[in-house]
């Protein structure tokens, strides 16, 4: 009779009291040790949205336009002359000072232009504006542009506004394909 009744063995339960603590510690560890890539971008202030049916027409003199372009080989040209980023900064600065409020910087890039070349061009233009504004601040207020009051910075920015016109990227290859494919 001893063999007739078997005692069931109970399986002990898992102790999960520290599981939440361990999960929380792992979460903190991964948050602290993970580095997040930050995207770099260009600071641009867009004009306000126009009211309905409001169109602002601007007449621009051709002499007030500086044409900057980058081709698919990352070659930068300014008004037809091949230049590097440092030369571009100098040319844009002198052009902005010479033309004042009436200047327009026209930028055009090829679709195959590398990001490095494009951002080098954009940085050169921004540096030129910074140099021009800083020179005026030192001349007018005996202080760098960054240390001027908001009113002084606004006045300088009105005198030398950042006027950049960026055209839709083009591709030299696509133009050739259209010419070649059109004859068939």
N, C-alpha and C. Protein backbone atom coordinates (compact mmCIF):
# COMPACT_ATOMS: atom_id res chain seq x y z
N UNK A 1 0.78 -1.17 0.00
CA UNK A 1 0.00 0.00 0.00
C UNK A 1 0.84 1.26 0.00
N UNK A 2 1.97 1.06 0.32
CA UNK A 2 2.84 2.21 0.30
C UNK A 2 3.07 2.72 -1.12
N UNK A 3 2.95 1.81 -2.08
CA UNK A 3 3.24 2.22 -3.45
C UNK A 3 2.03 2.86 -4.12
N UNK A 4 0.91 2.78 -3.65
CA UNK A 4 -0.31 3.27 -4.25
C UNK A 4 -0.41 4.79 -4.29
N UNK A 5 0.00 5.44 -3.32
CA UNK A 5 -0.10 6.90 -3.28
C UNK A 5 1.28 7.51 -3.39
N UNK A 6 1.43 8.27 -4.46
CA UNK A 6 2.71 8.97 -4.62
C UNK A 6 2.50 10.43 -4.24
N UNK A 7 3.49 10.93 -3.60
CA UNK A 7 3.46 12.34 -3.25
C UNK A 7 3.96 13.16 -4.43
N UNK A 8 3.23 14.19 -4.78
CA UNK A 8 3.68 15.07 -5.85
C UNK A 8 4.73 15.99 -5.31
N UNK A 9 5.79 16.10 -6.10
CA UNK A 9 6.84 17.04 -5.71
C UNK A 9 6.46 18.40 -6.26
N UNK A 10 6.52 19.39 -5.46
CA UNK A 10 6.21 20.75 -5.89
C UNK A 10 7.47 21.40 -6.44
N UNK A 11 7.29 22.04 -7.57
CA UNK A 11 8.40 22.76 -8.18
C UNK A 11 8.44 24.13 -7.54
N UNK A 12 9.59 24.51 -7.03
CA UNK A 12 9.66 25.83 -6.38
C UNK A 12 9.50 26.93 -7.43
N UNK A 13 8.84 28.05 -7.09
CA UNK A 13 8.63 29.18 -7.98
C UNK A 13 9.91 30.01 -8.15
N UNK A 14 9.99 30.71 -9.25
CA UNK A 14 11.16 31.57 -9.50
C UNK A 14 11.03 32.84 -8.69
N UNK A 15 12.12 33.25 -8.13
CA UNK A 15 12.13 34.51 -7.38
C UNK A 15 12.40 35.64 -8.36
N UNK A 16 11.40 36.46 -8.67
CA UNK A 16 11.52 37.53 -9.65
C UNK A 16 11.55 38.91 -9.01
N UNK A 17 11.85 38.98 -7.76
CA UNK A 17 11.84 40.29 -7.09
C UNK A 17 12.93 41.22 -7.62
N UNK A 18 14.07 40.68 -8.03
CA UNK A 18 15.15 41.56 -8.49
C UNK A 18 15.15 41.76 -10.00
N UNK A 19 14.27 41.13 -10.74
CA UNK A 19 14.23 41.25 -12.19
C UNK A 19 13.98 42.68 -12.64
N UNK A 20 13.06 43.36 -11.99
CA UNK A 20 12.78 44.76 -12.35
C UNK A 20 13.99 45.64 -12.09
N UNK A 21 14.67 45.41 -10.99
CA UNK A 21 15.86 46.20 -10.66
C UNK A 21 16.97 45.98 -11.69
N UNK A 22 17.17 44.73 -12.08
CA UNK A 22 18.21 44.43 -13.07
C UNK A 22 17.85 45.05 -14.42
N UNK A 23 16.60 44.95 -14.83
CA UNK A 23 16.16 45.55 -16.09
C UNK A 23 16.38 47.05 -16.09
N UNK A 24 16.03 47.68 -15.00
CA UNK A 24 16.22 49.13 -14.89
C UNK A 24 17.69 49.49 -14.96
N UNK A 25 18.55 48.74 -14.29
CA UNK A 25 20.00 49.00 -14.31
C UNK A 25 20.55 48.83 -15.72
N UNK A 26 20.11 47.79 -16.45
CA UNK A 26 20.56 47.60 -17.82
C UNK A 26 20.10 48.73 -18.73
N UNK A 27 18.87 49.16 -18.54
CA UNK A 27 18.35 50.28 -19.33
C UNK A 27 19.19 51.53 -19.11
N UNK A 28 19.48 51.86 -17.87
CA UNK A 28 20.32 53.03 -17.56
C UNK A 28 21.71 52.86 -18.16
N UNK A 29 22.28 51.66 -18.04
CA UNK A 29 23.60 51.41 -18.59
C UNK A 29 23.64 51.68 -20.09
N UNK A 30 22.67 51.15 -20.83
CA UNK A 30 22.66 51.33 -22.28
C UNK A 30 22.37 52.77 -22.68
N UNK A 31 21.54 53.47 -21.93
CA UNK A 31 21.28 54.88 -22.23
C UNK A 31 22.53 55.73 -22.03
N UNK A 32 23.29 55.42 -20.99
CA UNK A 32 24.49 56.22 -20.69
C UNK A 32 25.62 55.90 -21.66
N UNK A 33 25.76 54.66 -22.05
CA UNK A 33 26.91 54.29 -22.89
C UNK A 33 26.66 54.42 -24.38
N UNK A 34 25.42 54.59 -24.81
CA UNK A 34 25.12 54.71 -26.23
C UNK A 34 25.34 56.14 -26.69
N UNK A 35 26.03 56.29 -27.80
CA UNK A 35 26.20 57.64 -28.35
C UNK A 35 25.21 57.80 -29.49
N UNK A 36 24.59 58.95 -29.52
CA UNK A 36 23.63 59.25 -30.58
C UNK A 36 24.27 60.20 -31.56
N UNK A 37 24.15 59.90 -32.84
CA UNK A 37 24.68 60.78 -33.86
C UNK A 37 23.79 62.00 -33.98
N UNK A 38 24.41 63.15 -34.03
CA UNK A 38 23.65 64.38 -34.21
C UNK A 38 23.84 64.84 -35.64
N UNK A 39 22.76 65.19 -36.27
CA UNK A 39 22.82 65.66 -37.64
C UNK A 39 23.26 67.12 -37.66
N UNK A 40 24.07 67.42 -38.63
CA UNK A 40 24.47 68.80 -38.81
C UNK A 40 23.62 69.38 -39.92
N UNK A 41 23.33 70.62 -39.81
CA UNK A 41 22.49 71.24 -40.83
C UNK A 41 22.91 72.67 -41.09
N UNK A 42 22.17 73.33 -41.92
CA UNK A 42 22.42 74.72 -42.26
C UNK A 42 21.35 75.58 -41.62
N UNK A 43 21.76 76.65 -41.01
CA UNK A 43 20.80 77.57 -40.41
C UNK A 43 20.30 78.52 -41.49
N UNK A 44 19.04 78.44 -41.76
CA UNK A 44 18.43 79.33 -42.74
C UNK A 44 17.12 79.83 -42.17
N UNK A 45 16.90 81.12 -42.30
CA UNK A 45 15.63 81.70 -41.91
C UNK A 45 14.80 81.87 -43.17
N UNK A 46 13.70 81.16 -43.21
CA UNK A 46 12.85 81.22 -44.39
C UNK A 46 11.94 82.43 -44.29
N UNK A 47 11.57 83.01 -45.42
CA UNK A 47 10.65 84.15 -45.38
C UNK A 47 9.28 83.67 -44.94
N UNK A 48 8.46 84.58 -44.41
CA UNK A 48 7.13 84.18 -43.98
C UNK A 48 6.29 83.75 -45.18
N UNK A 49 5.29 82.92 -44.89
CA UNK A 49 4.39 82.46 -45.95
C UNK A 49 3.65 83.67 -46.52
N UNK A 50 3.56 83.77 -47.85
CA UNK A 50 2.84 84.91 -48.43
C UNK A 50 1.34 84.75 -48.21
N UNK A 51 0.68 85.88 -48.10
CA UNK A 51 -0.78 85.86 -48.00
C UNK A 51 -1.34 85.40 -49.34
N UNK A 52 -2.58 84.96 -49.34
CA UNK A 52 -3.20 84.52 -50.59
C UNK A 52 -3.18 85.66 -51.60
N UNK A 53 -2.90 85.29 -52.83
CA UNK A 53 -2.87 86.23 -53.96
C UNK A 53 -1.82 87.33 -53.80
N UNK A 54 -0.94 87.19 -52.83
CA UNK A 54 0.11 88.20 -52.66
C UNK A 54 1.37 87.68 -53.34
N UNK A 55 1.84 88.41 -54.31
CA UNK A 55 3.07 88.06 -54.98
C UNK A 55 3.98 89.28 -54.95
N UNK A 56 5.19 89.02 -54.54
CA UNK A 56 6.15 90.11 -54.46
C UNK A 56 7.12 89.95 -55.61
N UNK A 57 7.12 90.90 -56.49
CA UNK A 57 8.00 90.86 -57.64
C UNK A 57 9.24 91.68 -57.33
N UNK A 58 10.39 91.11 -57.65
CA UNK A 58 11.64 91.79 -57.41
C UNK A 58 12.39 91.96 -58.71
N UNK A 59 12.84 93.16 -58.95
CA UNK A 59 13.71 93.40 -60.09
C UNK A 59 15.13 93.43 -59.58
N UNK A 60 15.97 92.60 -60.17
CA UNK A 60 17.36 92.50 -59.73
C UNK A 60 18.25 92.83 -60.91
N UNK A 61 19.18 93.72 -60.68
CA UNK A 61 20.16 94.08 -61.68
C UNK A 61 21.17 92.94 -61.83
N UNK A 62 21.54 92.60 -63.04
CA UNK A 62 22.48 91.50 -63.27
C UNK A 62 23.82 91.74 -62.57
N UNK A 63 24.22 92.99 -62.41
CA UNK A 63 25.49 93.30 -61.75
C UNK A 63 25.43 93.02 -60.25
N UNK A 64 24.23 92.87 -59.72
CA UNK A 64 24.06 92.62 -58.29
C UNK A 64 23.95 91.14 -57.96
N UNK A 65 24.18 90.27 -58.95
CA UNK A 65 24.08 88.82 -58.75
C UNK A 65 25.47 88.19 -58.84
N UNK A 66 25.80 87.39 -57.84
CA UNK A 66 27.03 86.60 -57.87
C UNK A 66 26.61 85.15 -58.08
N UNK A 67 27.07 84.55 -59.17
CA UNK A 67 26.72 83.17 -59.51
C UNK A 67 27.78 82.21 -59.00
N UNK A 68 27.36 81.30 -58.13
CA UNK A 68 28.27 80.28 -57.59
C UNK A 68 27.70 78.93 -57.99
N UNK A 69 28.56 78.06 -58.50
CA UNK A 69 28.08 76.73 -58.89
C UNK A 69 29.13 75.69 -58.55
N UNK A 70 28.64 74.46 -58.37
CA UNK A 70 29.51 73.30 -58.13
C UNK A 70 29.10 72.24 -59.13
N UNK A 71 30.08 71.68 -59.84
CA UNK A 71 29.75 70.65 -60.81
C UNK A 71 29.87 69.26 -60.19
N UNK A 72 29.70 68.24 -61.01
CA UNK A 72 29.71 66.87 -60.50
C UNK A 72 31.10 66.40 -60.07
N UNK A 73 32.15 67.14 -60.41
CA UNK A 73 33.51 66.82 -59.96
C UNK A 73 33.90 67.64 -58.72
N UNK A 74 32.91 68.28 -58.08
CA UNK A 74 33.11 69.13 -56.90
C UNK A 74 33.96 70.35 -57.19
N UNK A 75 34.00 70.78 -58.45
CA UNK A 75 34.73 71.98 -58.83
C UNK A 75 33.81 73.18 -58.62
N UNK A 76 34.26 74.13 -57.82
CA UNK A 76 33.47 75.30 -57.48
C UNK A 76 33.87 76.46 -58.38
N UNK A 77 32.86 77.14 -58.92
CA UNK A 77 33.12 78.31 -59.75
C UNK A 77 32.32 79.49 -59.22
N UNK A 78 32.91 80.65 -59.37
CA UNK A 78 32.25 81.90 -58.97
C UNK A 78 32.34 82.85 -60.16
N UNK A 79 31.18 83.16 -60.73
CA UNK A 79 31.10 83.99 -61.94
C UNK A 79 32.03 83.48 -63.03
N UNK A 80 32.11 82.15 -63.18
CA UNK A 80 32.90 81.52 -64.23
C UNK A 80 34.32 81.19 -63.87
N UNK A 81 34.85 81.71 -62.76
CA UNK A 81 36.23 81.43 -62.35
C UNK A 81 36.26 80.28 -61.35
N UNK A 82 37.15 79.31 -61.56
CA UNK A 82 37.31 78.20 -60.62
C UNK A 82 38.03 78.71 -59.38
N UNK A 83 37.43 78.41 -58.21
CA UNK A 83 37.99 78.90 -56.94
C UNK A 83 37.88 77.82 -55.88
N UNK A 84 38.56 78.05 -54.74
CA UNK A 84 38.42 77.15 -53.60
C UNK A 84 37.56 77.82 -52.53
N UNK A 85 37.33 77.14 -51.42
CA UNK A 85 36.42 77.64 -50.37
C UNK A 85 36.93 78.94 -49.75
N UNK A 86 38.23 79.04 -49.50
CA UNK A 86 38.78 80.26 -48.89
C UNK A 86 38.61 81.46 -49.82
N UNK A 87 38.88 81.26 -51.10
CA UNK A 87 38.71 82.34 -52.07
C UNK A 87 37.25 82.74 -52.19
N UNK A 88 36.35 81.76 -52.08
CA UNK A 88 34.93 82.06 -52.15
C UNK A 88 34.51 82.96 -51.00
N UNK A 89 35.01 82.69 -49.81
CA UNK A 89 34.68 83.53 -48.65
C UNK A 89 35.11 84.97 -48.89
N UNK A 90 36.31 85.16 -49.41
CA UNK A 90 36.81 86.51 -49.68
C UNK A 90 35.98 87.21 -50.75
N UNK A 91 35.65 86.49 -51.81
CA UNK A 91 34.88 87.10 -52.89
C UNK A 91 33.47 87.48 -52.46
N UNK A 92 32.82 86.58 -51.73
CA UNK A 92 31.46 86.88 -51.27
C UNK A 92 31.48 88.07 -50.32
N UNK A 93 32.45 88.12 -49.40
CA UNK A 93 32.54 89.23 -48.45
C UNK A 93 32.72 90.56 -49.18
N UNK A 94 33.63 90.61 -50.14
CA UNK A 94 33.84 91.87 -50.85
C UNK A 94 32.62 92.24 -51.70
N UNK A 95 31.95 91.24 -52.27
CA UNK A 95 30.75 91.49 -53.08
C UNK A 95 29.62 92.04 -52.21
N UNK A 96 29.43 91.46 -51.04
CA UNK A 96 28.35 91.91 -50.13
C UNK A 96 28.63 93.34 -49.67
N UNK A 97 29.88 93.64 -49.33
CA UNK A 97 30.23 95.00 -48.89
C UNK A 97 30.02 95.99 -50.03
N UNK A 98 30.43 95.61 -51.24
CA UNK A 98 30.32 96.49 -52.40
C UNK A 98 28.86 96.76 -52.78
N UNK A 99 28.03 95.73 -52.76
CA UNK A 99 26.64 95.86 -53.23
C UNK A 99 25.64 96.19 -52.13
N UNK A 100 25.97 95.94 -50.89
CA UNK A 100 25.05 96.27 -49.79
C UNK A 100 23.77 95.47 -49.85
N UNK A 101 22.63 96.16 -49.69
CA UNK A 101 21.32 95.49 -49.64
C UNK A 101 20.88 94.91 -50.97
N UNK A 102 21.46 95.35 -52.07
CA UNK A 102 20.96 94.94 -53.39
C UNK A 102 21.56 93.64 -53.89
N UNK A 103 22.52 93.08 -53.19
CA UNK A 103 23.21 91.88 -53.69
C UNK A 103 22.32 90.64 -53.61
N UNK A 104 22.61 89.67 -54.48
CA UNK A 104 21.99 88.35 -54.44
C UNK A 104 23.08 87.33 -54.73
N UNK A 105 23.17 86.32 -53.89
CA UNK A 105 24.11 85.23 -54.10
C UNK A 105 23.29 84.08 -54.70
N UNK A 106 23.58 83.73 -55.95
CA UNK A 106 22.86 82.65 -56.64
C UNK A 106 23.71 81.39 -56.59
N UNK A 107 23.14 80.33 -56.01
CA UNK A 107 23.86 79.07 -55.80
C UNK A 107 23.21 77.97 -56.64
N UNK A 108 24.05 77.22 -57.34
CA UNK A 108 23.55 76.11 -58.14
C UNK A 108 24.52 74.94 -57.99
N UNK A 109 23.96 73.76 -57.73
CA UNK A 109 24.80 72.57 -57.55
C UNK A 109 24.32 71.46 -58.47
N UNK A 110 25.25 70.62 -58.85
CA UNK A 110 24.92 69.44 -59.64
C UNK A 110 24.41 68.35 -58.68
N UNK A 111 23.57 67.48 -59.17
CA UNK A 111 23.05 66.40 -58.32
C UNK A 111 24.15 65.46 -57.84
N UNK A 112 25.23 65.34 -58.58
CA UNK A 112 26.32 64.44 -58.22
C UNK A 112 27.37 65.09 -57.31
N UNK A 113 27.15 66.34 -56.92
CA UNK A 113 28.08 67.02 -56.02
C UNK A 113 28.10 66.32 -54.67
N UNK A 114 29.29 66.17 -54.10
CA UNK A 114 29.38 65.51 -52.78
C UNK A 114 28.87 66.45 -51.69
N UNK A 115 28.42 65.86 -50.61
CA UNK A 115 27.95 66.65 -49.48
C UNK A 115 29.06 67.52 -48.91
N UNK A 116 30.28 66.98 -48.88
CA UNK A 116 31.41 67.73 -48.32
C UNK A 116 31.64 69.02 -49.11
N UNK A 117 31.62 68.92 -50.43
CA UNK A 117 31.85 70.11 -51.27
C UNK A 117 30.70 71.09 -51.13
N UNK A 118 29.47 70.57 -51.08
CA UNK A 118 28.30 71.45 -50.95
C UNK A 118 28.34 72.20 -49.61
N UNK A 119 28.63 71.49 -48.53
CA UNK A 119 28.67 72.14 -47.22
C UNK A 119 29.87 73.07 -47.10
N UNK A 120 30.97 72.76 -47.76
CA UNK A 120 32.13 73.67 -47.77
C UNK A 120 31.74 74.99 -48.44
N UNK A 121 30.99 74.90 -49.54
CA UNK A 121 30.53 76.10 -50.22
C UNK A 121 29.58 76.90 -49.33
N UNK A 122 28.60 76.22 -48.73
CA UNK A 122 27.64 76.90 -47.85
C UNK A 122 28.35 77.54 -46.65
N UNK A 123 29.30 76.82 -46.07
CA UNK A 123 30.05 77.37 -44.93
C UNK A 123 30.87 78.59 -45.34
N UNK A 124 31.42 78.58 -46.54
CA UNK A 124 32.17 79.74 -47.03
C UNK A 124 31.27 80.96 -47.15
N UNK A 125 30.06 80.76 -47.65
CA UNK A 125 29.12 81.87 -47.79
C UNK A 125 28.72 82.41 -46.42
N UNK A 126 28.40 81.51 -45.50
CA UNK A 126 28.00 81.93 -44.15
C UNK A 126 29.16 82.64 -43.45
N UNK A 127 30.39 82.13 -43.62
CA UNK A 127 31.56 82.78 -43.03
C UNK A 127 31.77 84.18 -43.60
N UNK A 128 31.50 84.34 -44.88
CA UNK A 128 31.64 85.67 -45.50
C UNK A 128 30.67 86.65 -44.86
N UNK A 129 29.41 86.25 -44.69
CA UNK A 129 28.44 87.12 -44.04
C UNK A 129 28.85 87.43 -42.60
N UNK A 130 29.35 86.43 -41.89
CA UNK A 130 29.80 86.65 -40.51
C UNK A 130 30.94 87.65 -40.47
N UNK A 131 31.89 87.50 -41.39
CA UNK A 131 33.03 88.43 -41.44
C UNK A 131 32.57 89.86 -41.72
N UNK A 132 31.67 90.01 -42.69
CA UNK A 132 31.19 91.35 -43.06
C UNK A 132 30.47 91.98 -41.88
N UNK A 133 29.59 91.24 -41.24
CA UNK A 133 28.83 91.77 -40.11
C UNK A 133 29.73 92.06 -38.92
N UNK A 134 30.73 91.22 -38.71
CA UNK A 134 31.65 91.44 -37.60
C UNK A 134 32.49 92.69 -37.83
N UNK A 135 32.94 92.91 -39.07
CA UNK A 135 33.72 94.12 -39.39
C UNK A 135 32.89 95.37 -39.16
N UNK A 136 31.63 95.34 -39.59
CA UNK A 136 30.78 96.52 -39.39
C UNK A 136 30.53 96.75 -37.90
N UNK A 137 30.32 95.68 -37.14
CA UNK A 137 30.09 95.83 -35.70
C UNK A 137 31.32 96.44 -35.02
N UNK A 138 32.49 95.99 -35.40
CA UNK A 138 33.72 96.54 -34.80
C UNK A 138 33.92 98.00 -35.20
N UNK A 139 33.56 98.32 -36.45
CA UNK A 139 33.71 99.69 -36.92
C UNK A 139 32.69 100.63 -36.28
N UNK A 140 31.45 100.20 -36.21
CA UNK A 140 30.38 101.06 -35.71
C UNK A 140 30.26 101.07 -34.18
N UNK A 141 30.44 99.89 -33.55
CA UNK A 141 30.17 99.77 -32.11
C UNK A 141 31.37 99.35 -31.28
N UNK A 142 32.54 99.22 -31.92
CA UNK A 142 33.77 98.82 -31.23
C UNK A 142 33.62 97.52 -30.44
N UNK A 143 32.85 96.60 -30.98
CA UNK A 143 32.66 95.31 -30.34
C UNK A 143 32.36 94.27 -31.41
N UNK A 144 32.67 93.01 -31.16
CA UNK A 144 32.33 91.98 -32.16
C UNK A 144 30.82 91.84 -32.32
N UNK A 145 30.40 91.32 -33.47
CA UNK A 145 28.98 91.17 -33.77
C UNK A 145 28.27 90.32 -32.72
N UNK A 146 28.93 89.26 -32.24
CA UNK A 146 28.31 88.36 -31.27
C UNK A 146 28.02 89.05 -29.94
N UNK A 147 28.76 90.10 -29.61
CA UNK A 147 28.57 90.79 -28.33
C UNK A 147 27.70 92.05 -28.45
N UNK A 148 27.21 92.32 -29.64
CA UNK A 148 26.33 93.48 -29.84
C UNK A 148 24.96 93.20 -29.22
N UNK A 149 24.25 94.26 -28.95
CA UNK A 149 22.87 94.10 -28.46
C UNK A 149 22.00 93.61 -29.61
N UNK A 150 20.82 93.13 -29.28
CA UNK A 150 19.92 92.62 -30.31
C UNK A 150 19.56 93.72 -31.31
N UNK A 151 19.36 94.92 -30.82
CA UNK A 151 19.02 96.05 -31.70
C UNK A 151 20.17 96.35 -32.66
N UNK A 152 21.40 96.33 -32.16
CA UNK A 152 22.56 96.58 -33.01
C UNK A 152 22.73 95.47 -34.05
N UNK A 153 22.53 94.21 -33.63
CA UNK A 153 22.63 93.10 -34.58
C UNK A 153 21.56 93.20 -35.66
N UNK A 154 20.35 93.59 -35.27
CA UNK A 154 19.28 93.75 -36.26
C UNK A 154 19.61 94.83 -37.27
N UNK A 155 20.19 95.92 -36.78
CA UNK A 155 20.57 97.03 -37.67
C UNK A 155 21.65 96.59 -38.66
N UNK A 156 22.63 95.86 -38.17
CA UNK A 156 23.71 95.36 -39.05
C UNK A 156 23.14 94.36 -40.05
N UNK A 157 22.25 93.50 -39.60
CA UNK A 157 21.65 92.51 -40.49
C UNK A 157 20.77 93.15 -41.55
N UNK A 158 20.15 94.28 -41.22
CA UNK A 158 19.37 95.00 -42.24
C UNK A 158 20.28 95.63 -43.27
N UNK A 159 21.44 96.10 -42.84
CA UNK A 159 22.37 96.72 -43.78
C UNK A 159 23.01 95.67 -44.70
N UNK A 160 23.32 94.50 -44.15
CA UNK A 160 23.90 93.40 -44.92
C UNK A 160 23.03 92.16 -44.75
N UNK A 161 21.87 92.13 -45.42
CA UNK A 161 20.98 90.96 -45.28
C UNK A 161 21.57 89.75 -46.01
N UNK A 162 21.22 88.59 -45.52
CA UNK A 162 21.68 87.36 -46.14
C UNK A 162 20.70 87.02 -47.26
N UNK A 163 21.12 87.27 -48.49
CA UNK A 163 20.26 87.09 -49.66
C UNK A 163 20.87 86.01 -50.55
N UNK A 164 20.39 84.78 -50.34
CA UNK A 164 20.90 83.63 -51.07
C UNK A 164 19.76 83.01 -51.85
N UNK A 165 19.96 82.84 -53.14
CA UNK A 165 18.97 82.19 -54.00
C UNK A 165 19.55 80.86 -54.44
N UNK A 166 18.86 79.78 -54.08
CA UNK A 166 19.38 78.46 -54.41
C UNK A 166 18.51 77.81 -55.48
N UNK A 167 19.13 77.47 -56.60
CA UNK A 167 18.41 76.86 -57.72
C UNK A 167 18.27 75.35 -57.49
N UNK A 168 17.31 74.78 -58.16
CA UNK A 168 17.11 73.33 -58.12
C UNK A 168 18.35 72.64 -58.66
N UNK A 169 18.84 71.59 -57.98
CA UNK A 169 20.03 70.90 -58.49
C UNK A 169 19.79 70.35 -59.89
N UNK A 170 20.85 70.40 -60.68
CA UNK A 170 20.77 69.88 -62.05
C UNK A 170 21.76 68.74 -62.19
N UNK A 171 21.66 68.05 -63.28
CA UNK A 171 22.60 66.97 -63.56
C UNK A 171 23.07 67.11 -64.99
N UNK A 172 24.38 67.15 -65.17
CA UNK A 172 24.93 67.28 -66.52
C UNK A 172 24.60 66.05 -67.35
N UNK A 173 24.61 64.86 -66.72
CA UNK A 173 24.33 63.62 -67.43
C UNK A 173 22.90 63.59 -67.95
N UNK A 174 21.94 64.07 -67.14
CA UNK A 174 20.54 63.98 -67.56
C UNK A 174 20.28 64.87 -68.77
N UNK A 175 20.98 65.98 -68.90
CA UNK A 175 20.82 66.84 -70.06
C UNK A 175 21.34 66.16 -71.32
N UNK A 176 22.45 65.42 -71.21
CA UNK A 176 23.00 64.72 -72.34
C UNK A 176 22.09 63.57 -72.76
N UNK A 177 21.50 62.89 -71.78
CA UNK A 177 20.61 61.79 -72.10
C UNK A 177 19.40 62.27 -72.86
N UNK A 178 18.86 63.42 -72.46
CA UNK A 178 17.69 63.95 -73.14
C UNK A 178 18.02 64.30 -74.57
N UNK A 179 19.19 64.89 -74.81
CA UNK A 179 19.58 65.26 -76.17
C UNK A 179 19.78 64.01 -77.02
N UNK A 180 20.45 62.98 -76.46
CA UNK A 180 20.73 61.78 -77.22
C UNK A 180 19.44 60.98 -77.46
N UNK A 181 18.56 60.92 -76.45
CA UNK A 181 17.35 60.12 -76.58
C UNK A 181 16.29 60.79 -77.43
N UNK A 182 16.36 62.09 -77.63
CA UNK A 182 15.33 62.80 -78.37
C UNK A 182 15.35 62.54 -79.85
N UNK A 183 16.46 62.07 -80.42
CA UNK A 183 16.57 61.90 -81.86
C UNK A 183 15.99 60.60 -82.37
N UNK A 184 15.61 59.68 -81.50
CA UNK A 184 15.12 58.37 -81.95
C UNK A 184 13.69 58.38 -82.29
